[in-house]
Amino acid sequence: MPDRTTPEPPAGAQDDHLQRGLSNRHIQLIAIGGAIGTGLFLGSGRTISLAGPSVLLVYAVIGFMLFFVMRAMGEMLLSNLEYKSFRDMAADILGPWAGFVTGWTYWFCWIVTGIADVVAVSGYVAFWAPDLPRWLPALGLVVLLLALNLVAVRLFGELEFWFAIVKIVAIVALIVTGVVMIATAFQGADGATASLTHLYADGGFFPHGLTGFLAGFQIAIFAFVGIELVGTTAAETRDPETTLPRAINAIPVRVLLFYLGALVVIMAVTPWRSIDPAESPFVAMFALAGLPAAAGVINLVVLTSAASSANSGIFSTSRMLYGLAEDREAPAPFARLSSRHVPSRGLVFSCACLLPGVALLYAGRSVIEAFTLVTTVATLLFLVVWTVILLSYLAYRRRSPELHAASRFPMPGGRVMAVVVLAFFASMVVVLALEPETRVALLVLPVWFAVLGAAWAVLRRRGVVPGRAAPDVSGGPDRAHALDTARR
C-alpha cells in the first residue's frame, strides 16, 4: 500500500497512466509516432535481407492482424469506462491472476524493449564516432533517461508529441526523396538504376522462398510493439468514443505510408541484395543520394526515435510498478512518491533493469546480434500480451453478448477473426523456434512464467488480493450508465 507519510500528489498523479490528461492532439501524434519505431529504422535492413521484397507482405500481414487486436481492445474499452488498460480487462474478465500476470509481463515487455532501444542507440552513435566503445553511449542513455524522468514529468506528453512530428517529417522526406530518385532514374555507385523493377527482377517477389518469407516476421513484429498503447491512452481521454476509433482506424493508413511506402522506395532505389542488414537502410539511402548531411540528420532522427521509445518504456514501466504496488502485487516501496510526485523508486529500478543492454554490448556482441536477441524476447512477450487481449475479447463476447450488440465500435469479424489472429500468433512462435538466432529467446518464456507463477502462489498463500475493485461486466445498471455516458 502507498506510504501515507508521502505528500499527496496533484489530481491524477496517482492514476495508473499519466497520459490521462493528454489532449486529442497529443494522443493522435503519439499514436502515429508509435508506429514508427526502432524495429523499422534499424531492423528493416535485416528483415529485407531475410525476406527480400516479400518484406512488404510481411509488414502488411502483421499490420492487418494487429488491427483486429486493436479493434477488439477498442470494443471492450468502450463497453466499460471503468477500464483503464488491458490489465483491468484481463483481471475483470479472465480473473485476478490474469491481471497480475499481464501487468508484470507488460512491465517486462517494456524493459526488454528498452534494452533493444539502448542497443540501437549505441549503433546510431557509431555513425559519428565509430571508435567510441559501444557500451558508453548505451550507459549514457540510461543515465539521461533516469534524470529526465525524475525532473520532467509534466513535459512527457509534449516531448513525445514533438518526437513524433520529427519522425513523421523524416519518413515523409525519405519517401519524397525516393520517389524523385526513381522518377529521375538515379544511378548508384554500383551502377544500379533506381527502378520499381527491383521489387521483382532479382529472384522474384519471394527470392528466398517460404523460409525466407517466414523468417522476416521476427524483426518485423518487433516494429509494431507498443501499438496497444494507442487504445490504452485513448480510452482515458474526455471523448473516448471519438478519439479511440479515430486512432485505431488510422492504423492501416500508418502501415501503408510509414512501413510499405518507405520500404518500397528503399528497395526501388537500392536493390534488396545490396542493402546491408547491419545498418539502417534509411540512413544509407540518403548517403547514397549524395546527401551526407541529410544522412546525418536522419541518423539523428532514428537515434531520437530509439531514445524516445526507451523513454516511453521507462515512463510506462515505472507507472506500471506504481499501480501494481498500490494493488499489493508489487513491493510496497514502489508505491511511494518523491517530493516531485513521481514514483522515483520505480524509475530507478526500471532504469537499472536496462543495464543488461549495456552488458550485451560490453560482452562484444555486434549491435545487430544483440538487437536480434532482445527483440525476439520482446516479440514473444508482446505476443503474450496481445493474446491475452484476444482471449479477454472471446470471454467478453461469451459473457456479455448484450454489450457487443449495443457497441458502436464492434470488432469486424468478431470471434472468427479473434481465432484467426490467435492462430497467426501461434504460427509466429513456431517460426521463431525454427530460426537458430531466435530459438534461444524461447527459453525465456517458461522461466519468466515460472517466476510469475511462484510469485502468484505466494500472494495467494498470504491472502493478498487485488486492491482495485474489479469493474462490473454483468451488464447491470452501472454498466448501462457508463455505456450511455460514453455514447454521449
Protein backbone atom coordinates (compact mmCIF):
# COMPACT_ATOMS: atom_id res chain seq x y z
CA MET A 1 0.00 0.00 0.00
CA PRO A 2 1.17 3.60 -0.54
CA ASP A 3 3.17 5.29 2.19
CA ARG A 4 0.73 7.57 3.96
CA THR A 5 3.57 9.90 5.01
CA THR A 6 4.22 10.74 1.38
CA PRO A 7 2.84 14.14 0.31
CA GLU A 8 -0.36 13.85 -1.65
CA PRO A 9 0.29 14.30 -5.37
CA PRO A 10 -1.77 16.53 -7.61
CA ALA A 11 -5.01 15.21 -9.02
CA GLY A 12 -4.38 12.46 -11.47
CA ALA A 13 -0.83 11.79 -10.36
CA GLN A 14 -1.81 8.52 -8.73
CA ASP A 15 -3.56 7.16 -11.81
CA ASP A 16 -2.05 4.09 -13.41
CA HIS A 17 -1.44 6.05 -16.60
CA LEU A 18 -0.01 9.56 -16.60
CA GLN A 19 -1.48 10.17 -20.06
CA ARG A 20 -4.95 10.67 -18.59
CA GLY A 21 -4.84 14.41 -19.20
CA LEU A 22 -3.41 14.30 -22.72
CA SER A 23 -5.32 16.17 -25.39
CA ASN A 24 -6.51 14.64 -28.62
CA ARG A 25 -3.57 16.35 -30.36
CA HIS A 26 -1.11 14.51 -28.12
CA ILE A 27 -2.85 11.17 -28.44
CA GLN A 28 -3.09 11.16 -32.21
CA LEU A 29 0.58 12.13 -32.67
CA ILE A 30 1.79 9.69 -30.04
CA ALA A 31 -0.26 7.01 -31.76
CA ILE A 32 1.29 7.79 -35.13
CA GLY A 33 4.76 8.10 -33.63
CA GLY A 34 4.30 4.71 -32.01
CA ALA A 35 4.01 3.19 -35.47
CA ILE A 36 7.48 4.46 -36.35
CA GLY A 37 9.77 2.55 -34.03
CA THR A 38 13.27 1.22 -33.71
CA GLY A 39 12.29 -2.02 -35.41
CA LEU A 40 11.51 -0.15 -38.62
CA PHE A 41 14.55 2.12 -38.61
CA LEU A 42 17.22 -0.34 -37.54
CA GLY A 43 15.65 -3.77 -38.07
CA SER A 44 14.22 -3.32 -41.56
CA GLY A 45 17.64 -3.86 -43.17
CA ARG A 46 17.91 -7.31 -41.64
CA THR A 47 14.28 -8.10 -42.48
CA ILE A 48 14.88 -7.17 -46.12
CA SER A 49 17.98 -9.40 -46.25
CA LEU A 50 15.90 -12.34 -44.98
CA ALA A 51 12.70 -11.90 -46.96
CA GLY A 52 13.67 -9.76 -49.95
CA PRO A 53 10.82 -7.76 -51.50
CA SER A 54 8.30 -10.04 -49.77
CA VAL A 55 9.07 -7.99 -46.66
CA LEU A 56 6.28 -5.74 -47.92
CA LEU A 57 3.81 -8.58 -47.47
CA VAL A 58 5.33 -9.39 -44.07
CA TYR A 59 4.59 -5.90 -42.74
CA ALA A 60 1.16 -5.86 -44.39
CA VAL A 61 0.15 -9.18 -42.80
CA ILE A 62 1.31 -8.12 -39.33
CA GLY A 63 -0.43 -4.77 -39.59
CA PHE A 64 -3.62 -6.49 -40.76
CA MET A 65 -3.61 -8.92 -37.83
CA LEU A 66 -2.82 -6.32 -35.19
CA PHE A 67 -5.59 -4.09 -36.50
CA PHE A 68 -8.07 -6.69 -35.22
CA VAL A 69 -6.30 -6.86 -31.86
CA MET A 70 -6.78 -3.11 -31.56
CA ARG A 71 -10.40 -3.30 -32.64
CA ALA A 72 -11.06 -5.98 -30.02
CA MET A 73 -9.44 -3.79 -27.38
CA GLY A 74 -11.38 -0.76 -28.56
CA GLU A 75 -14.73 -2.52 -28.31
CA MET A 76 -14.02 -3.72 -24.77
CA LEU A 77 -12.67 -0.36 -23.56
CA LEU A 78 -15.76 1.45 -24.81
CA SER A 79 -18.06 -1.18 -23.31
CA ASN A 80 -16.96 -0.19 -19.80
CA LEU A 81 -15.45 3.19 -19.00
CA GLU A 82 -14.12 1.77 -15.73
CA TYR A 83 -11.38 0.02 -17.73
CA LYS A 84 -8.15 1.99 -17.87
CA SER A 85 -5.97 -0.64 -19.55
CA PHE A 86 -5.94 -4.21 -20.76
CA ARG A 87 -4.68 -5.15 -17.30
CA ASP A 88 -8.08 -4.12 -15.93
CA MET A 89 -9.84 -6.07 -18.67
CA ALA A 90 -7.80 -9.22 -18.07
CA ALA A 91 -8.33 -9.10 -14.30
CA ASP A 92 -12.04 -8.47 -14.65
CA ILE A 93 -12.90 -10.87 -17.45
CA LEU A 94 -10.36 -13.68 -17.05
CA GLY A 95 -9.65 -13.36 -13.31
CA PRO A 96 -7.27 -11.56 -10.90
CA TRP A 97 -4.42 -13.91 -11.80
CA ALA A 98 -4.63 -12.72 -15.41
CA GLY A 99 -4.29 -9.09 -14.32
CA PHE A 100 -1.24 -9.94 -12.23
CA VAL A 101 0.46 -11.94 -14.97
CA THR A 102 -0.42 -9.44 -17.68
CA GLY A 103 0.69 -6.43 -15.64
CA TRP A 104 4.10 -7.86 -14.79
CA THR A 105 4.57 -9.30 -18.29
CA TYR A 106 3.82 -5.90 -19.80
CA TRP A 107 6.38 -4.33 -17.46
CA PHE A 108 8.92 -6.92 -18.64
CA CYS A 109 7.91 -6.25 -22.26
CA TRP A 110 8.92 -2.63 -21.99
CA ILE A 111 12.10 -3.38 -20.07
CA VAL A 112 13.23 -5.73 -22.84
CA THR A 113 12.13 -3.21 -25.49
CA GLY A 114 14.09 -0.52 -23.67
CA ILE A 115 17.16 -2.76 -23.80
CA ALA A 116 16.68 -3.08 -27.56
CA ASP A 117 16.45 0.71 -27.85
CA VAL A 118 19.61 1.15 -25.77
CA VAL A 119 21.41 -1.28 -28.07
CA ALA A 120 20.11 0.59 -31.13
CA VAL A 121 21.24 3.98 -29.81
CA SER A 122 24.79 2.70 -29.44
CA GLY A 123 24.68 1.68 -33.11
CA TYR A 124 23.41 5.08 -34.24
CA VAL A 125 26.10 6.94 -32.28
CA ALA A 126 28.71 4.88 -34.15
CA PHE A 127 27.69 6.83 -37.29
CA TRP A 128 29.57 9.84 -35.89
CA ALA A 129 32.02 8.14 -33.52
CA PRO A 130 32.91 4.70 -34.89
CA ASP A 131 35.83 4.28 -32.47
CA LEU A 132 33.79 5.07 -29.36
CA PRO A 133 33.18 1.98 -27.16
CA ARG A 134 29.63 0.79 -27.88
CA TRP A 135 28.73 0.46 -24.22
CA LEU A 136 29.48 4.11 -23.42
CA PRO A 137 26.53 5.79 -25.25
CA ALA A 138 24.26 2.99 -24.05
CA LEU A 139 25.17 3.69 -20.44
CA GLY A 140 24.86 7.42 -21.05
CA LEU A 141 21.34 6.99 -22.38
CA VAL A 142 20.22 5.06 -19.30
CA VAL A 143 21.55 7.81 -17.01
CA LEU A 144 19.94 10.52 -19.16
CA LEU A 145 16.56 8.76 -19.16
CA LEU A 146 16.62 8.46 -15.40
CA ALA A 147 17.45 12.16 -14.96
CA LEU A 148 14.75 13.33 -17.39
CA ASN A 149 12.03 11.15 -15.89
CA LEU A 150 12.86 12.29 -12.38
CA VAL A 151 12.59 16.01 -13.12
CA ALA A 152 10.49 16.46 -16.28
CA VAL A 153 7.27 14.55 -15.67
CA ARG A 154 4.95 17.27 -16.94
CA LEU A 155 6.91 17.61 -20.18
CA PHE A 156 6.45 13.99 -21.22
CA GLY A 157 3.37 14.44 -23.40
CA GLU A 158 4.70 17.49 -25.19
CA LEU A 159 8.15 15.96 -25.74
CA GLU A 160 6.66 12.78 -27.19
CA PHE A 161 4.39 14.89 -29.39
CA TRP A 162 7.34 16.69 -30.96
CA PHE A 163 9.37 13.50 -31.21
CA ALA A 164 6.51 12.08 -33.28
CA ILE A 165 6.45 15.17 -35.50
CA VAL A 166 10.18 14.79 -36.18
CA LYS A 167 9.80 11.10 -37.09
CA ILE A 168 6.85 11.76 -39.39
CA VAL A 169 8.69 14.54 -41.23
CA ALA A 170 11.73 12.27 -41.63
CA ILE A 171 9.72 9.39 -43.09
CA VAL A 172 7.84 11.69 -45.48
CA ALA A 173 11.14 13.29 -46.56
CA LEU A 174 12.62 9.85 -47.25
CA ILE A 175 9.61 8.81 -49.32
CA VAL A 176 9.66 12.05 -51.34
CA THR A 177 13.41 11.74 -51.92
CA GLY A 178 12.98 8.13 -53.02
CA VAL A 179 10.19 9.00 -55.44
CA VAL A 180 12.35 11.71 -57.03
CA MET A 181 15.28 9.28 -57.36
CA ILE A 182 13.02 6.69 -59.02
CA ALA A 183 11.44 9.24 -61.34
CA THR A 184 14.86 10.52 -62.44
CA ALA A 185 16.32 7.00 -62.83
CA PHE A 186 19.02 7.74 -60.28
CA GLN A 187 22.14 5.59 -60.71
CA GLY A 188 24.06 4.49 -57.63
CA ALA A 189 27.77 3.88 -57.20
CA ASP A 190 27.31 0.18 -58.02
CA GLY A 191 25.69 1.06 -61.34
CA ALA A 192 22.17 0.05 -60.31
CA THR A 193 19.44 2.35 -61.58
CA ALA A 194 16.57 3.25 -59.25
CA SER A 195 13.52 1.41 -60.51
CA LEU A 196 10.44 -0.38 -59.22
CA THR A 197 11.60 -3.44 -61.16
CA HIS A 198 13.97 -4.17 -58.26
CA LEU A 199 10.91 -5.40 -56.38
CA TYR A 200 10.63 -8.49 -58.59
CA ALA A 201 13.55 -8.65 -61.06
CA ASP A 202 16.10 -10.35 -58.77
CA GLY A 203 14.75 -13.72 -57.76
CA GLY A 204 11.14 -12.63 -57.83
CA PHE A 205 8.99 -11.32 -55.01
CA PHE A 206 9.93 -14.31 -52.81
CA PRO A 207 13.66 -14.73 -53.58
CA HIS A 208 14.31 -16.95 -50.55
CA GLY A 209 11.05 -18.85 -50.84
CA LEU A 210 8.66 -19.55 -47.98
CA THR A 211 11.51 -19.99 -45.47
CA GLY A 212 12.88 -16.51 -46.07
CA PHE A 213 9.40 -15.01 -46.05
CA LEU A 214 8.60 -16.54 -42.65
CA ALA A 215 12.00 -15.59 -41.22
CA GLY A 216 11.24 -11.94 -41.94
CA PHE A 217 8.48 -11.85 -39.34
CA GLN A 218 10.73 -11.83 -36.27
CA ILE A 219 12.17 -8.31 -36.54
CA ALA A 220 9.08 -7.06 -38.38
CA ILE A 221 6.75 -7.95 -35.49
CA PHE A 222 9.01 -6.03 -33.13
CA ALA A 223 8.46 -2.91 -35.24
CA PHE A 224 4.82 -2.95 -34.09
CA VAL A 225 5.35 -3.45 -30.36
CA GLY A 226 3.62 -0.83 -28.26
CA ILE A 227 0.78 -0.46 -30.73
CA GLU A 228 -1.63 -1.46 -27.95
CA LEU A 229 -0.75 1.76 -26.09
CA VAL A 230 -2.96 3.61 -28.57
CA GLY A 231 -6.10 2.06 -27.15
CA THR A 232 -4.96 2.34 -23.56
CA THR A 233 -4.17 6.04 -23.88
CA ALA A 234 -7.18 6.97 -25.96
CA ALA A 235 -9.55 5.23 -23.55
CA GLU A 236 -8.58 7.75 -20.87
CA THR A 237 -9.49 10.89 -22.80
CA ARG A 238 -12.57 13.01 -22.31
CA ASP A 239 -14.15 11.74 -25.53
CA PRO A 240 -13.12 8.08 -25.91
CA GLU A 241 -15.88 7.18 -28.37
CA THR A 242 -14.46 9.68 -30.86
CA THR A 243 -10.73 9.55 -30.14
CA LEU A 244 -10.28 5.80 -29.77
CA PRO A 245 -11.91 4.77 -33.07
CA ARG A 246 -10.03 7.53 -34.88
CA ALA A 247 -6.67 6.36 -33.54
CA ILE A 248 -7.34 2.66 -34.19
CA ASN A 249 -8.83 3.10 -37.65
CA ALA A 250 -5.75 5.10 -38.69
CA ILE A 251 -3.55 2.01 -38.23
CA PRO A 252 -3.95 0.71 -41.82
CA VAL A 253 -3.03 4.15 -43.20
CA ARG A 254 0.07 4.28 -41.00
CA VAL A 255 1.16 0.83 -42.14
CA LEU A 256 0.70 1.71 -45.81
CA LEU A 257 2.51 5.05 -45.57
CA PHE A 258 5.24 4.63 -42.99
CA TYR A 259 6.10 0.97 -43.49
CA LEU A 260 5.17 -0.07 -47.00
CA GLY A 261 5.74 3.34 -48.60
CA ALA A 262 9.18 3.76 -47.07
CA LEU A 263 10.30 0.20 -47.81
CA VAL A 264 9.10 0.36 -51.42
CA VAL A 265 11.24 3.41 -52.19
CA ILE A 266 14.24 1.99 -50.30
CA MET A 267 14.22 -1.27 -52.29
CA ALA A 268 13.46 0.54 -55.54
CA VAL A 269 16.48 2.83 -55.11
CA THR A 270 18.84 0.13 -53.79
CA PRO A 271 18.47 -3.50 -54.96
CA TRP A 272 17.50 -5.56 -51.94
CA ARG A 273 20.64 -7.73 -52.13
CA SER A 274 22.79 -4.61 -51.79
CA ILE A 275 21.15 -3.46 -48.55
CA ASP A 276 23.44 -4.01 -45.59
CA PRO A 277 21.49 -5.86 -42.85
CA ALA A 278 23.83 -4.45 -40.19
CA GLU A 279 22.88 -0.79 -40.75
CA SER A 280 19.79 1.33 -41.10
CA PRO A 281 18.61 1.44 -44.75
CA PHE A 282 17.10 4.85 -44.05
CA VAL A 283 20.47 6.39 -43.32
CA ALA A 284 22.11 4.50 -46.18
CA MET A 285 19.61 5.77 -48.75
CA PHE A 286 20.27 9.44 -48.02
CA ALA A 287 24.01 8.80 -48.11
CA LEU A 288 23.53 7.10 -51.50
CA ALA A 289 21.65 10.13 -52.78
CA GLY A 290 24.79 12.20 -52.20
CA LEU A 291 23.34 13.96 -49.18
CA PRO A 292 25.73 13.06 -46.36
CA ALA A 293 24.44 15.93 -44.25
CA ALA A 294 20.88 14.65 -44.73
CA ALA A 295 22.06 11.17 -43.83
CA GLY A 296 23.44 12.57 -40.61
CA VAL A 297 20.15 14.28 -39.89
CA ILE A 298 18.23 11.05 -40.49
CA ASN A 299 20.66 9.21 -38.26
CA LEU A 300 19.91 11.76 -35.55
CA VAL A 301 16.19 11.26 -36.16
CA VAL A 302 16.36 7.50 -35.78
CA LEU A 303 18.57 7.89 -32.71
CA THR A 304 15.91 10.20 -31.28
CA SER A 305 13.27 7.62 -32.17
CA ALA A 306 15.06 4.91 -30.22
CA ALA A 307 15.65 7.21 -27.26
CA SER A 308 12.02 8.32 -27.35
CA SER A 309 10.85 4.70 -27.36
CA ALA A 310 13.08 3.89 -24.40
CA ASN A 311 11.82 7.00 -22.61
CA SER A 312 8.20 5.94 -23.12
CA GLY A 313 9.06 2.47 -21.89
CA ILE A 314 10.67 3.78 -18.71
CA PHE A 315 7.70 6.03 -18.09
CA SER A 316 5.26 3.16 -18.63
CA THR A 317 7.15 0.64 -16.52
CA SER A 318 7.55 2.98 -13.56
CA ARG A 319 3.81 3.72 -13.58
CA MET A 320 3.01 0.03 -14.03
CA LEU A 321 5.10 -0.75 -10.95
CA TYR A 322 3.30 2.03 -9.08
CA GLY A 323 -0.13 0.61 -9.97
CA LEU A 324 0.89 -2.95 -9.15
CA ALA A 325 2.29 -1.81 -5.81
CA GLU A 326 -0.95 0.01 -4.99
CA ASP A 327 -2.76 -3.28 -5.61
CA ARG A 328 -0.22 -5.05 -3.36
CA GLU A 329 1.01 -7.04 -6.38
CA ALA A 330 4.46 -5.43 -6.27
CA PRO A 331 6.78 -4.40 -3.40
CA ALA A 332 5.25 -1.59 -1.34
CA PRO A 333 8.19 0.86 -1.81
CA PHE A 334 7.28 1.20 -5.49
CA ALA A 335 4.03 2.91 -4.42
CA ARG A 336 5.84 5.78 -2.70
CA LEU A 337 6.15 9.11 -4.48
CA SER A 338 9.07 11.51 -4.36
CA SER A 339 8.73 15.18 -3.40
CA ARG A 340 8.16 15.87 -7.10
CA HIS A 341 5.23 13.42 -7.07
CA VAL A 342 6.92 10.84 -9.27
CA PRO A 343 7.47 7.13 -8.46
CA SER A 344 11.22 7.61 -8.24
CA ARG A 345 11.92 4.15 -6.83
CA GLY A 346 10.17 2.51 -9.77
CA LEU A 347 12.11 4.75 -12.15
CA VAL A 348 15.45 3.82 -10.61
CA PHE A 349 14.57 0.13 -10.65
CA SER A 350 13.39 0.17 -14.28
CA CYS A 351 16.49 2.07 -15.42
CA ALA A 352 18.70 -0.40 -13.56
CA CYS A 353 16.97 -3.18 -15.50
CA LEU A 354 18.21 -1.61 -18.76
CA LEU A 355 21.82 -2.28 -17.82
CA PRO A 356 21.80 -5.80 -19.37
CA GLY A 357 21.66 -3.96 -22.70
CA VAL A 358 24.96 -2.31 -21.85
CA ALA A 359 26.36 -5.70 -20.79
CA LEU A 360 25.38 -7.24 -24.14
CA LEU A 361 27.47 -4.66 -25.99
CA TYR A 362 30.32 -4.73 -23.49
CA ALA A 363 30.47 -8.50 -23.96
CA GLY A 364 31.49 -7.88 -27.56
CA ARG A 365 28.28 -8.66 -29.43
CA SER A 366 27.62 -6.69 -32.58
CA VAL A 367 24.72 -4.26 -32.47
CA ILE A 368 22.58 -6.36 -34.82
CA GLU A 369 23.28 -9.61 -32.92
CA ALA A 370 22.35 -8.01 -29.60
CA PHE A 371 19.37 -6.30 -31.20
CA THR A 372 18.11 -9.58 -32.67
CA LEU A 373 18.34 -11.37 -29.33
CA VAL A 374 16.49 -8.80 -27.25
CA THR A 375 13.88 -8.04 -29.92
CA THR A 376 12.99 -11.71 -30.14
CA VAL A 377 12.40 -11.85 -26.39
CA ALA A 378 10.31 -8.66 -26.61
CA THR A 379 8.34 -10.03 -29.57
CA LEU A 380 7.41 -13.19 -27.66
CA LEU A 381 6.32 -11.22 -24.61
CA PHE A 382 4.19 -8.84 -26.64
CA LEU A 383 2.61 -11.81 -28.40
CA VAL A 384 1.54 -13.00 -24.95
CA VAL A 385 0.02 -9.60 -24.14
CA TRP A 386 -1.84 -9.43 -27.45
CA THR A 387 -3.05 -12.98 -26.91
CA VAL A 388 -4.48 -12.01 -23.52
CA ILE A 389 -6.38 -9.16 -25.18
CA LEU A 390 -7.98 -11.57 -27.67
CA LEU A 391 -8.75 -14.18 -25.02
CA SER A 392 -10.40 -11.44 -22.97
CA TYR A 393 -12.43 -10.49 -26.03
CA LEU A 394 -13.63 -14.06 -26.58
CA ALA A 395 -14.67 -14.32 -22.91
CA TYR A 396 -16.34 -10.90 -23.11
CA ARG A 397 -18.37 -12.00 -26.13
CA ARG A 398 -19.44 -15.16 -24.32
CA ARG A 399 -20.35 -13.43 -21.05
CA SER A 400 -21.77 -10.10 -22.26
CA PRO A 401 -23.44 -10.54 -25.66
CA GLU A 402 -25.75 -7.59 -24.95
CA LEU A 403 -22.77 -5.23 -24.72
CA HIS A 404 -21.46 -6.42 -28.08
CA ALA A 405 -24.89 -5.93 -29.61
CA ALA A 406 -25.03 -2.36 -28.27
CA SER A 407 -21.48 -1.44 -29.26
CA ARG A 408 -20.92 1.36 -31.75
CA PHE A 409 -17.38 0.17 -32.39
CA PRO A 410 -17.67 -3.62 -32.78
CA MET A 411 -14.68 -5.66 -33.88
CA PRO A 412 -15.03 -6.65 -37.56
CA GLY A 413 -15.27 -10.41 -37.94
CA GLY A 414 -15.84 -10.84 -34.22
CA ARG A 415 -14.92 -14.20 -32.73
CA VAL A 416 -13.90 -15.67 -36.08
CA MET A 417 -11.18 -13.08 -36.63
CA ALA A 418 -10.09 -13.35 -33.00
CA VAL A 419 -9.44 -17.07 -33.53
CA VAL A 420 -7.69 -16.38 -36.86
CA VAL A 421 -5.32 -13.88 -35.23
CA LEU A 422 -4.65 -16.25 -32.32
CA ALA A 423 -3.71 -18.95 -34.84
CA PHE A 424 -1.40 -16.45 -36.54
CA PHE A 425 0.31 -15.70 -33.23
CA ALA A 426 0.80 -19.44 -32.60
CA SER A 427 2.36 -19.82 -36.04
CA MET A 428 4.75 -16.97 -35.28
CA VAL A 429 6.01 -18.79 -32.19
CA VAL A 430 6.70 -21.81 -34.40
CA VAL A 431 8.56 -19.60 -36.88
CA LEU A 432 10.73 -18.19 -34.11
CA ALA A 433 11.53 -21.73 -32.99
CA LEU A 434 12.80 -22.62 -36.47
CA GLU A 435 15.49 -19.92 -36.60
CA PRO A 436 18.70 -20.68 -34.63
CA GLU A 437 19.22 -16.97 -33.88
CA THR A 438 15.77 -16.58 -32.33
CA ARG A 439 15.22 -20.05 -30.84
CA VAL A 440 17.25 -19.27 -27.72
CA ALA A 441 14.83 -16.49 -26.80
CA LEU A 442 12.04 -19.08 -26.43
CA LEU A 443 13.80 -20.31 -23.29
CA VAL A 444 12.97 -17.02 -21.57
CA LEU A 445 9.19 -17.59 -21.61
CA PRO A 446 8.95 -20.70 -19.40
CA VAL A 447 11.43 -19.20 -16.93
CA TRP A 448 9.52 -15.91 -16.75
CA PHE A 449 6.12 -17.55 -16.26
CA ALA A 450 7.54 -19.97 -13.71
CA VAL A 451 8.71 -16.95 -11.69
CA LEU A 452 5.31 -15.27 -12.02
CA GLY A 453 3.52 -18.48 -11.07
CA ALA A 454 5.62 -18.83 -7.93
CA ALA A 455 5.02 -15.16 -7.02
CA TRP A 456 1.26 -15.52 -7.50
CA ALA A 457 1.23 -18.65 -5.33
CA VAL A 458 2.96 -16.71 -2.55
CA LEU A 459 0.44 -13.87 -2.81
CA ARG A 460 -2.44 -16.33 -2.65
CA ARG A 461 -0.96 -18.07 0.36
CA ARG A 462 -0.63 -14.73 2.16
CA GLY A 463 -4.21 -13.81 1.32
CA VAL A 464 -3.24 -10.86 -0.85
CA VAL A 465 -5.97 -9.79 -3.28
CA PRO A 466 -6.02 -7.02 -5.93
CA GLY A 467 -6.51 -3.69 -4.19
CA ARG A 468 -8.61 -2.21 -7.01
CA ALA A 469 -12.25 -3.19 -7.21
CA ALA A 470 -12.93 -5.10 -10.38
CA PRO A 471 -15.32 -3.34 -12.77
CA ASP A 472 -18.69 -4.97 -13.27
CA VAL A 473 -19.09 -6.91 -16.50
CA SER A 474 -22.56 -8.19 -15.80
CA GLY A 475 -24.30 -5.59 -17.90
CA GLY A 476 -26.17 -4.15 -14.89
CA PRO A 477 -27.38 -0.57 -14.37
CA ASP A 478 -23.90 0.82 -13.66
CA ARG A 479 -22.62 -0.60 -16.94
CA ALA A 480 -25.58 0.72 -18.86
CA HIS A 481 -24.98 4.18 -17.39
CA ALA A 482 -21.27 4.03 -18.32
CA LEU A 483 -22.08 2.99 -21.86
CA ASP A 484 -24.66 5.75 -22.24
CA THR A 485 -22.13 8.27 -20.94
CA ALA A 486 -19.55 7.12 -23.48
CA ARG A 487 -22.02 7.45 -26.32
CA ARG A 488 -22.87 11.00 -25.34
